[in-house]
Amino acid sequence: MGAVLSSDAFFGLTLIFAAAVLAPLLSDRLGRWLPVPSTVLEIMLGILLGPSVFALVQQNVFTDRFHDLGLAMLFFLAGYEIEFGRIKGRPLMLGGIGWLIGIILALGVSTAVTRSLDVGLIIGVAVCTTALGTILPMIRDAGILPTRVGAHIMAIGAVGEFAPMIAITILFGRTGESHSPWVRAGFVVLAIVAAWAAMRPRSERVGRLLSATLGTSVQFAVRLAMLMVVMMIWISYELGLDIVLGGFVAGVVIRLLISTIEKEEAEIVASKLDAVGFGFLVPFFFVTTGVGYDLKALLDSPSALLALPAILVMFLLVRGVITYWILRKDFTVGERRKLALLSSTQLPLVVVVAGIGVSTGRISVATESALVGAAMLSVLIFPLLAIRPGSAAQATARDHVVNEPT
């Protein structure tokens, strides 16, 4: 333990947090010419700090645990942000249909190209995700979240995270270890029940308890949320499951509890959870993702370099084009284009699936780097094309908040 908490380890942590602080400053500066999401800069700074470039930061047990906590918190916030009352009905149905068509296409194409079912499973599941936790802050800041477009991208993203998480849990487990499929399936059932319960009537008694402690030093709602995150990580490790599903379920459950209090109080709780997540744990995940990224493996492999743009195109085909087609009767061409680009934005689950692929010997480190590199480019390019300056105000003025019919 002493080696982990040595002065070199703390120096590495200092650099990681410095990168987390520097990223939004650079994003703001670059935004005058080319808007670059802070998450992309966090990963890029991590690459510079890590063994691939300057080797100032090394991975260790301490950074790995905080990396896991940041990943779980990212998916916790994604689960927490989902407003089930807005997405249930047609948005969720269309999102589910689009994902099913996409996963069939992705598995077929990736298996045919690689001529390997194992590799095809990894790539197929990876390219069928949507980075809901990454794009939600972007569309919220752009004023898109309260609109019909926001409701549908929330539904598409919810399916694009929840369905792949179920596939990861059942097919691969946490690191590909051998655990009973019944255990994994049981956890999935609990996750589905939690999502269903989030749509049911709320308990006023729980709501009063949360409200009574909101303004005190106890901060019960925040403590409860963090307990859920850590507990779900522990359960995931104990059962050999991936922590992303645990974090997502924790977010759904806490959303259920917090929705029992007044709207203004719920917004205060949400802002505090955002502060803990996006102010501390989530940037740590993105920076350490960059630290662990093997840039040399990518550059040394011509096939991986060629695969990177092909994977980026697969993101657009499997998520974007299908979304564009599925929503042809519900939105204008411009709105469908925006939804297609946002639904094609991928990153955290790609990192998870690619990591599982390497740890189980299904794919090489170079292929992992190509997958993650394509995902980083998707976060850099697709939201930029979807959320152009001035478009948010126009969309908000044209498209008021609407709850879809069930």
Protein backbone atom coordinates (compact mmCIF):
# COMPACT_ATOMS: atom_id res chain seq x y z
CA MET A 1 0.00 0.00 0.00
CA GLY A 2 2.91 2.31 0.78
CA ALA A 3 4.14 2.12 -2.81
CA VAL A 4 0.69 3.07 -4.13
CA LEU A 5 0.48 6.12 -1.87
CA SER A 6 4.07 7.23 -2.40
CA SER A 7 5.05 10.73 -3.37
CA ASP A 8 5.25 9.66 -7.05
CA ALA A 9 1.69 8.38 -6.84
CA PHE A 10 0.46 11.68 -5.40
CA PHE A 11 2.41 13.56 -8.07
CA GLY A 12 0.56 11.52 -10.69
CA LEU A 13 -2.78 12.29 -9.01
CA THR A 14 -1.89 15.97 -8.98
CA LEU A 15 -1.20 15.88 -12.72
CA ILE A 16 -4.48 14.04 -13.36
CA PHE A 17 -6.48 16.68 -11.48
CA ALA A 18 -4.47 19.44 -13.17
CA ALA A 19 -5.49 17.95 -16.53
CA ALA A 20 -9.13 17.91 -15.38
CA VAL A 21 -8.87 21.63 -14.55
CA LEU A 22 -6.95 22.53 -17.70
CA ALA A 23 -9.34 20.73 -20.08
CA PRO A 24 -12.34 23.11 -19.72
CA LEU A 25 -10.01 26.12 -19.91
CA LEU A 26 -8.60 24.81 -23.20
CA SER A 27 -12.10 23.95 -24.40
CA ASP A 28 -13.23 27.50 -23.73
CA ARG A 29 -10.19 28.95 -25.51
CA LEU A 30 -10.48 26.64 -28.52
CA GLY A 31 -14.23 27.24 -28.69
CA ARG A 32 -13.59 30.57 -30.39
CA TRP A 33 -12.31 28.70 -33.44
CA LEU A 34 -13.26 25.04 -33.08
CA PRO A 35 -15.53 23.76 -30.28
CA VAL A 36 -13.83 20.76 -28.68
CA PRO A 37 -15.68 18.92 -25.87
CA SER A 38 -13.88 18.97 -22.56
CA THR A 39 -14.10 15.16 -22.34
CA VAL A 40 -12.04 14.78 -25.51
CA LEU A 41 -9.40 17.16 -24.17
CA GLU A 42 -9.32 15.26 -20.88
CA ILE A 43 -8.52 12.04 -22.75
CA MET A 44 -5.95 13.77 -24.95
CA LEU A 45 -4.21 15.29 -21.93
CA GLY A 46 -4.24 11.86 -20.32
CA ILE A 47 -2.53 10.41 -23.40
CA LEU A 48 0.15 13.10 -23.15
CA LEU A 49 0.69 12.39 -19.45
CA GLY A 50 0.68 8.61 -19.83
CA PRO A 51 3.25 6.08 -21.05
CA SER A 52 2.39 6.70 -24.72
CA VAL A 53 4.03 10.16 -24.68
CA PHE A 54 5.71 11.73 -21.63
CA ALA A 55 5.21 8.88 -19.11
CA LEU A 56 4.60 11.30 -16.24
CA VAL A 57 1.68 9.27 -14.88
CA GLN A 58 1.58 5.52 -14.38
CA GLN A 59 -1.45 3.36 -13.74
CA ASN A 60 -1.62 1.78 -10.30
CA VAL A 61 -4.18 0.24 -7.97
CA PHE A 62 -5.20 3.65 -6.65
CA THR A 63 -5.81 5.23 -10.07
CA ASP A 64 -7.55 2.06 -11.27
CA ARG A 65 -10.04 2.17 -8.38
CA PHE A 66 -10.82 5.84 -8.92
CA HIS A 67 -11.10 5.12 -12.65
CA ASP A 68 -13.77 2.51 -11.84
CA LEU A 69 -15.53 4.88 -9.45
CA GLY A 70 -15.55 7.62 -12.11
CA LEU A 71 -16.94 5.19 -14.70
CA ALA A 72 -19.68 4.06 -12.32
CA MET A 73 -20.49 7.69 -11.48
CA LEU A 74 -20.75 8.58 -15.16
CA PHE A 75 -23.34 5.86 -15.70
CA PHE A 76 -25.02 6.73 -12.41
CA LEU A 77 -25.56 10.27 -13.70
CA ALA A 78 -26.78 8.91 -17.03
CA GLY A 79 -29.35 6.75 -15.23
CA TYR A 80 -30.26 9.65 -12.94
CA GLU A 81 -30.80 12.06 -15.83
CA ILE A 82 -33.34 9.85 -17.60
CA GLU A 83 -36.88 11.19 -17.22
CA PHE A 84 -38.92 8.06 -17.69
CA GLY A 85 -42.17 9.99 -17.79
CA ARG A 86 -40.98 11.80 -20.93
CA ILE A 87 -39.48 8.88 -22.82
CA LYS A 88 -42.00 6.13 -22.15
CA GLY A 89 -44.30 5.24 -25.01
CA ARG A 90 -43.34 6.07 -28.59
CA PRO A 91 -39.82 7.50 -27.94
CA LEU A 92 -38.75 4.40 -26.02
CA MET A 93 -40.42 2.05 -28.51
CA LEU A 94 -38.70 3.66 -31.50
CA GLY A 95 -35.38 3.73 -29.65
CA GLY A 96 -35.70 0.02 -28.93
CA ILE A 97 -36.61 -0.88 -32.51
CA GLY A 98 -33.67 1.12 -33.84
CA TRP A 99 -31.25 -0.58 -31.45
CA LEU A 100 -32.49 -4.08 -32.35
CA ILE A 101 -32.06 -3.40 -36.06
CA GLY A 102 -28.63 -1.93 -35.37
CA ILE A 103 -27.31 -4.81 -33.25
CA ILE A 104 -28.38 -7.38 -35.87
CA LEU A 105 -26.65 -5.37 -38.59
CA ALA A 106 -23.55 -4.74 -36.46
CA LEU A 107 -23.10 -8.37 -35.44
CA GLY A 108 -23.60 -9.56 -39.01
CA VAL A 109 -21.16 -7.07 -40.57
CA SER A 110 -18.45 -7.33 -37.90
CA THR A 111 -18.55 -11.14 -37.86
CA ALA A 112 -18.46 -11.31 -41.68
CA VAL A 113 -15.53 -8.87 -41.93
CA THR A 114 -13.44 -10.37 -39.12
CA ARG A 115 -14.51 -13.98 -39.84
CA SER A 116 -14.63 -14.57 -36.12
CA LEU A 117 -17.70 -14.76 -33.89
CA ASP A 118 -15.70 -13.78 -30.79
CA VAL A 119 -14.31 -10.64 -32.44
CA GLY A 120 -17.66 -9.94 -34.08
CA LEU A 121 -19.40 -9.99 -30.69
CA ILE A 122 -16.97 -7.47 -29.20
CA ILE A 123 -17.09 -5.06 -32.14
CA GLY A 124 -20.81 -5.56 -32.71
CA VAL A 125 -21.76 -4.69 -29.12
CA ALA A 126 -19.25 -1.82 -28.99
CA VAL A 127 -20.60 0.00 -32.07
CA CYS A 128 -24.23 -0.29 -30.87
CA THR A 129 -23.82 2.05 -27.92
CA THR A 130 -24.64 5.71 -27.38
CA ALA A 131 -22.68 7.94 -25.00
CA LEU A 132 -25.76 9.26 -23.18
CA GLY A 133 -23.79 10.31 -20.11
CA THR A 134 -21.37 12.24 -22.34
CA ILE A 135 -23.89 14.01 -24.59
CA LEU A 136 -26.54 14.84 -21.96
CA PRO A 137 -24.52 17.73 -20.47
CA MET A 138 -23.92 19.02 -24.01
CA ILE A 139 -27.57 19.01 -25.06
CA ARG A 140 -28.63 20.35 -21.68
CA ASP A 141 -26.19 23.28 -21.98
CA ALA A 142 -27.39 23.88 -25.55
CA GLY A 143 -31.03 24.07 -24.45
CA ILE A 144 -32.09 20.97 -26.41
CA LEU A 145 -32.92 18.67 -23.49
CA PRO A 146 -36.41 20.12 -22.71
CA THR A 147 -37.57 19.76 -26.35
CA ARG A 148 -39.09 16.83 -28.25
CA VAL A 149 -35.68 16.26 -29.82
CA GLY A 150 -34.23 16.10 -26.31
CA ALA A 151 -36.83 13.56 -25.20
CA HIS A 152 -36.06 11.30 -28.16
CA ILE A 153 -32.29 11.51 -27.83
CA MET A 154 -32.77 10.66 -24.14
CA ALA A 155 -34.81 7.61 -25.14
CA ILE A 156 -32.37 6.56 -27.87
CA GLY A 157 -29.44 7.05 -25.50
CA ALA A 158 -31.16 5.18 -22.65
CA VAL A 159 -31.65 2.15 -24.90
CA GLY A 160 -28.17 2.63 -26.40
CA GLU A 161 -26.64 2.35 -22.93
CA PHE A 162 -29.00 -0.01 -21.12
CA ALA A 163 -29.28 -2.68 -23.85
CA PRO A 164 -25.50 -2.95 -24.46
CA MET A 165 -24.96 -3.07 -20.69
CA ILE A 166 -27.29 -6.06 -20.49
CA ALA A 167 -25.42 -7.68 -23.39
CA ILE A 168 -22.07 -7.04 -21.67
CA THR A 169 -23.33 -8.44 -18.38
CA ILE A 170 -24.77 -11.62 -19.89
CA LEU A 171 -22.13 -12.29 -22.56
CA PHE A 172 -18.92 -11.15 -20.93
CA GLY A 173 -19.31 -10.41 -17.22
CA ARG A 174 -16.88 -7.93 -15.66
CA THR A 175 -13.66 -9.21 -17.18
CA GLY A 176 -14.75 -12.30 -19.00
CA GLU A 177 -14.41 -14.48 -15.89
CA SER A 178 -16.51 -17.62 -15.69
CA HIS A 179 -19.63 -16.92 -13.64
CA SER A 180 -23.07 -18.48 -13.73
CA PRO A 181 -25.26 -17.02 -16.49
CA TRP A 182 -28.15 -17.31 -14.03
CA VAL A 183 -26.41 -14.91 -11.65
CA ARG A 184 -25.89 -12.41 -14.45
CA ALA A 185 -29.45 -12.86 -15.70
CA GLY A 186 -30.76 -12.33 -12.17
CA PHE A 187 -28.91 -9.04 -11.89
CA VAL A 188 -30.29 -7.97 -15.27
CA VAL A 189 -33.83 -8.77 -14.10
CA LEU A 190 -33.27 -6.60 -11.02
CA ALA A 191 -32.03 -3.80 -13.26
CA ILE A 192 -35.13 -4.04 -15.46
CA VAL A 193 -37.40 -4.09 -12.41
CA ALA A 194 -35.66 -0.96 -11.09
CA ALA A 195 -36.19 0.81 -14.42
CA TRP A 196 -39.87 -0.24 -14.41
CA ALA A 197 -40.31 0.89 -10.81
CA ALA A 198 -39.04 4.34 -11.78
CA MET A 199 -42.25 4.83 -13.77
CA ARG A 200 -44.55 3.93 -10.83
CA PRO A 201 -46.23 6.28 -8.30
CA ARG A 202 -43.85 7.73 -5.71
CA SER A 203 -43.74 7.36 -1.93
CA GLU A 204 -44.60 10.63 -0.16
CA ARG A 205 -43.04 9.36 3.07
CA VAL A 206 -39.60 8.96 1.46
CA GLY A 207 -40.03 12.33 -0.19
CA ARG A 208 -40.62 14.04 3.18
CA LEU A 209 -37.51 12.41 4.64
CA LEU A 210 -35.33 13.61 1.77
CA SER A 211 -36.75 17.12 1.91
CA ALA A 212 -36.26 17.41 5.68
CA THR A 213 -32.50 16.71 5.42
CA LEU A 214 -31.78 18.56 2.18
CA GLY A 215 -30.63 21.84 3.72
CA THR A 216 -28.66 20.41 6.62
CA SER A 217 -25.01 19.44 6.94
CA VAL A 218 -26.13 15.79 6.75
CA GLN A 219 -26.75 16.02 2.96
CA PHE A 220 -28.68 12.74 3.17
CA ALA A 221 -29.65 12.63 -0.53
CA VAL A 222 -26.03 12.97 -1.69
CA ARG A 223 -24.78 10.42 0.86
CA LEU A 224 -27.51 8.00 -0.20
CA ALA A 225 -26.56 8.43 -3.85
CA MET A 226 -22.88 7.76 -3.18
CA LEU A 227 -23.77 4.75 -1.03
CA MET A 228 -25.75 3.33 -3.95
CA VAL A 229 -22.85 3.88 -6.36
CA VAL A 230 -20.25 2.24 -4.11
CA MET A 231 -22.61 -0.58 -3.12
CA MET A 232 -23.43 -1.39 -6.75
CA ILE A 233 -19.71 -1.44 -7.59
CA TRP A 234 -19.14 -3.88 -4.73
CA ILE A 235 -22.03 -6.11 -5.84
CA SER A 236 -20.73 -6.01 -9.41
CA TYR A 237 -17.26 -7.09 -8.31
CA GLU A 238 -18.64 -9.82 -6.05
CA LEU A 239 -20.81 -11.27 -8.83
CA GLY A 240 -18.21 -10.80 -11.55
CA LEU A 241 -20.44 -8.32 -13.41
CA ASP A 242 -19.47 -5.12 -15.15
CA ILE A 243 -19.78 -2.03 -12.97
CA VAL A 244 -21.46 0.09 -15.64
CA LEU A 245 -24.81 -1.67 -15.20
CA GLY A 246 -24.49 -1.32 -11.43
CA GLY A 247 -23.87 2.42 -11.72
CA PHE A 248 -26.75 2.85 -14.15
CA VAL A 249 -29.19 0.96 -11.91
CA ALA A 250 -28.07 3.03 -8.92
CA GLY A 251 -28.87 6.20 -10.88
CA VAL A 252 -32.33 4.93 -11.79
CA VAL A 253 -33.11 3.98 -8.18
CA ILE A 254 -31.92 7.32 -6.77
CA ARG A 255 -33.93 9.12 -9.47
CA LEU A 256 -36.97 7.20 -8.20
CA LEU A 257 -36.33 8.34 -4.63
CA ILE A 258 -35.46 11.95 -5.45
CA SER A 259 -38.55 12.36 -7.64
CA THR A 260 -40.65 12.13 -4.45
CA ILE A 261 -39.59 15.62 -3.37
CA GLU A 262 -40.46 19.05 -4.79
CA LYS A 263 -39.08 19.91 -8.22
CA GLU A 264 -36.99 22.81 -6.92
CA GLU A 265 -35.44 20.62 -4.23
CA ALA A 266 -34.77 17.84 -6.75
CA GLU A 267 -32.89 20.34 -8.92
CA ILE A 268 -30.71 21.26 -5.93
CA VAL A 269 -29.90 17.59 -5.34
CA ALA A 270 -29.14 17.14 -9.05
CA SER A 271 -26.73 20.09 -9.02
CA LYS A 272 -24.90 18.61 -6.02
CA LEU A 273 -24.61 15.21 -7.68
CA ASP A 274 -23.33 16.94 -10.83
CA ALA A 275 -20.72 18.68 -8.68
CA VAL A 276 -19.51 15.38 -7.22
CA GLY A 277 -19.66 13.58 -10.56
CA PHE A 278 -18.60 16.05 -13.24
CA GLY A 279 -16.47 18.10 -10.85
CA PHE A 280 -14.43 15.22 -9.48
CA LEU A 281 -14.99 11.58 -10.40
CA VAL A 282 -16.01 11.67 -14.08
CA PRO A 283 -13.04 13.80 -15.25
CA PHE A 284 -10.78 11.38 -13.39
CA PHE A 285 -12.23 8.55 -15.47
CA PHE A 286 -11.65 10.34 -18.78
CA VAL A 287 -8.10 11.48 -17.95
CA THR A 288 -7.08 8.00 -16.75
CA THR A 289 -8.68 6.52 -19.88
CA GLY A 290 -6.19 8.62 -21.83
CA VAL A 291 -3.35 7.55 -19.55
CA GLY A 292 -4.13 3.90 -20.32
CA TYR A 293 -4.57 4.47 -24.07
CA ASP A 294 -1.91 2.66 -26.11
CA LEU A 295 -1.17 5.13 -28.90
CA LYS A 296 1.96 3.25 -29.96
CA ALA A 297 -0.01 0.05 -30.60
CA LEU A 298 -2.31 1.98 -32.91
CA LEU A 299 0.46 3.75 -34.82
CA ASP A 300 2.45 0.54 -35.22
CA SER A 301 -0.48 -1.33 -36.77
CA PRO A 302 -1.47 -0.33 -40.35
CA SER A 303 -4.58 -2.51 -40.14
CA ALA A 304 -5.71 -0.78 -36.92
CA LEU A 305 -5.14 2.64 -38.49
CA LEU A 306 -7.31 1.63 -41.44
CA ALA A 307 -9.91 0.15 -39.11
CA LEU A 308 -10.32 3.38 -37.13
CA PRO A 309 -12.20 5.40 -39.81
CA ALA A 310 -14.13 2.26 -40.79
CA ILE A 311 -15.33 1.92 -37.19
CA LEU A 312 -16.33 5.59 -37.16
CA VAL A 313 -18.44 4.93 -40.27
CA MET A 314 -19.99 1.92 -38.53
CA PHE A 315 -21.06 4.19 -35.66
CA LEU A 316 -22.91 6.35 -38.17
CA LEU A 317 -24.39 3.42 -40.04
CA VAL A 318 -25.51 1.30 -37.09
CA ARG A 319 -26.79 4.13 -34.88
CA GLY A 320 -27.13 7.24 -37.03
CA VAL A 321 -28.58 6.05 -40.33
CA ILE A 322 -31.03 3.70 -38.64
CA THR A 323 -32.15 6.47 -36.26
CA TYR A 324 -32.60 8.83 -39.20
CA TRP A 325 -34.79 6.25 -40.96
CA ILE A 326 -36.80 5.15 -37.91
CA LEU A 327 -37.82 8.76 -37.11
CA ARG A 328 -38.75 9.72 -40.68
CA LYS A 329 -42.44 10.26 -39.77
CA ASP A 330 -41.83 12.12 -36.51
CA PHE A 331 -39.29 14.85 -37.26
CA THR A 332 -38.06 17.20 -39.95
CA VAL A 333 -34.92 16.41 -41.93
CA GLY A 334 -32.85 18.81 -39.80
CA GLU A 335 -34.10 17.32 -36.54
CA ARG A 336 -33.47 13.77 -37.74
CA ARG A 337 -29.96 14.74 -38.79
CA LYS A 338 -29.31 16.11 -35.29
CA LEU A 339 -30.73 12.98 -33.65
CA ALA A 340 -28.72 10.71 -35.96
CA LEU A 341 -25.44 12.44 -35.16
CA LEU A 342 -26.03 12.51 -31.41
CA SER A 343 -27.10 8.87 -31.31
CA SER A 344 -23.85 7.95 -33.14
CA THR A 345 -21.71 9.57 -30.43
CA GLN A 346 -19.99 6.84 -28.42
CA LEU A 347 -17.22 6.50 -25.85
CA PRO A 348 -17.52 5.08 -22.30
CA LEU A 349 -19.11 1.74 -23.20
CA VAL A 350 -16.71 1.37 -26.13
CA VAL A 351 -13.85 1.69 -23.62
CA VAL A 352 -15.47 -0.96 -21.43
CA VAL A 353 -16.23 -3.44 -24.22
CA ALA A 354 -12.83 -3.00 -25.86
CA GLY A 355 -11.13 -3.54 -22.49
CA ILE A 356 -13.08 -6.75 -22.01
CA GLY A 357 -12.07 -7.84 -25.51
CA VAL A 358 -8.37 -7.42 -24.70
CA SER A 359 -8.56 -9.00 -21.24
CA THR A 360 -10.31 -12.09 -22.66
CA GLY A 361 -8.00 -12.39 -25.68
CA ARG A 362 -10.76 -11.74 -28.21
CA ILE A 363 -9.12 -8.66 -29.76
CA SER A 364 -5.61 -7.19 -29.83
CA VAL A 365 -4.45 -4.02 -28.07
CA ALA A 366 -4.19 -2.36 -31.49
CA THR A 367 -7.84 -3.14 -32.24
CA GLU A 368 -8.79 -1.80 -28.81
CA SER A 369 -6.93 1.42 -29.60
CA ALA A 370 -8.76 1.70 -32.93
CA LEU A 371 -12.15 1.25 -31.25
CA VAL A 372 -11.42 3.78 -28.51
CA GLY A 373 -9.81 6.18 -31.00
CA ALA A 374 -12.90 6.09 -33.21
CA ALA A 375 -15.09 6.68 -30.15
CA MET A 376 -13.02 9.73 -29.18
CA LEU A 377 -13.39 11.11 -32.70
CA SER A 378 -17.15 10.55 -32.53
CA VAL A 379 -17.35 12.72 -29.38
CA LEU A 380 -15.23 15.35 -31.10
CA ILE A 381 -17.03 15.41 -34.46
CA PHE A 382 -20.67 14.36 -34.18
CA PRO A 383 -21.93 16.71 -31.42
CA LEU A 384 -20.09 19.56 -33.13
CA LEU A 385 -22.00 18.89 -36.35
CA ALA A 386 -25.29 18.36 -34.50
CA ILE A 387 -25.19 21.32 -32.12
CA ARG A 388 -24.16 24.28 -34.21
CA PRO A 389 -24.02 27.85 -32.82
CA GLY A 390 -27.49 29.38 -32.86
CA SER A 391 -29.28 26.12 -33.49
CA ALA A 392 -30.20 25.59 -29.85
CA ALA A 393 -32.08 28.85 -29.56
CA GLN A 394 -33.93 28.21 -32.81
CA ALA A 395 -34.87 24.69 -31.72
CA THR A 396 -36.12 25.89 -28.34
CA ALA A 397 -38.22 28.64 -29.89
CA ARG A 398 -39.74 26.26 -32.45
CA ASP A 399 -40.13 23.16 -30.34
CA HIS A 400 -41.71 23.52 -26.89
CA VAL A 401 -41.58 20.83 -24.24
CA VAL A 402 -43.88 17.96 -25.22
CA ASN A 403 -44.62 14.68 -23.50
CA GLU A 404 -45.06 11.93 -26.05
CA PRO A 405 -48.30 9.93 -25.93
CA THR A 406 -48.06 6.49 -24.39
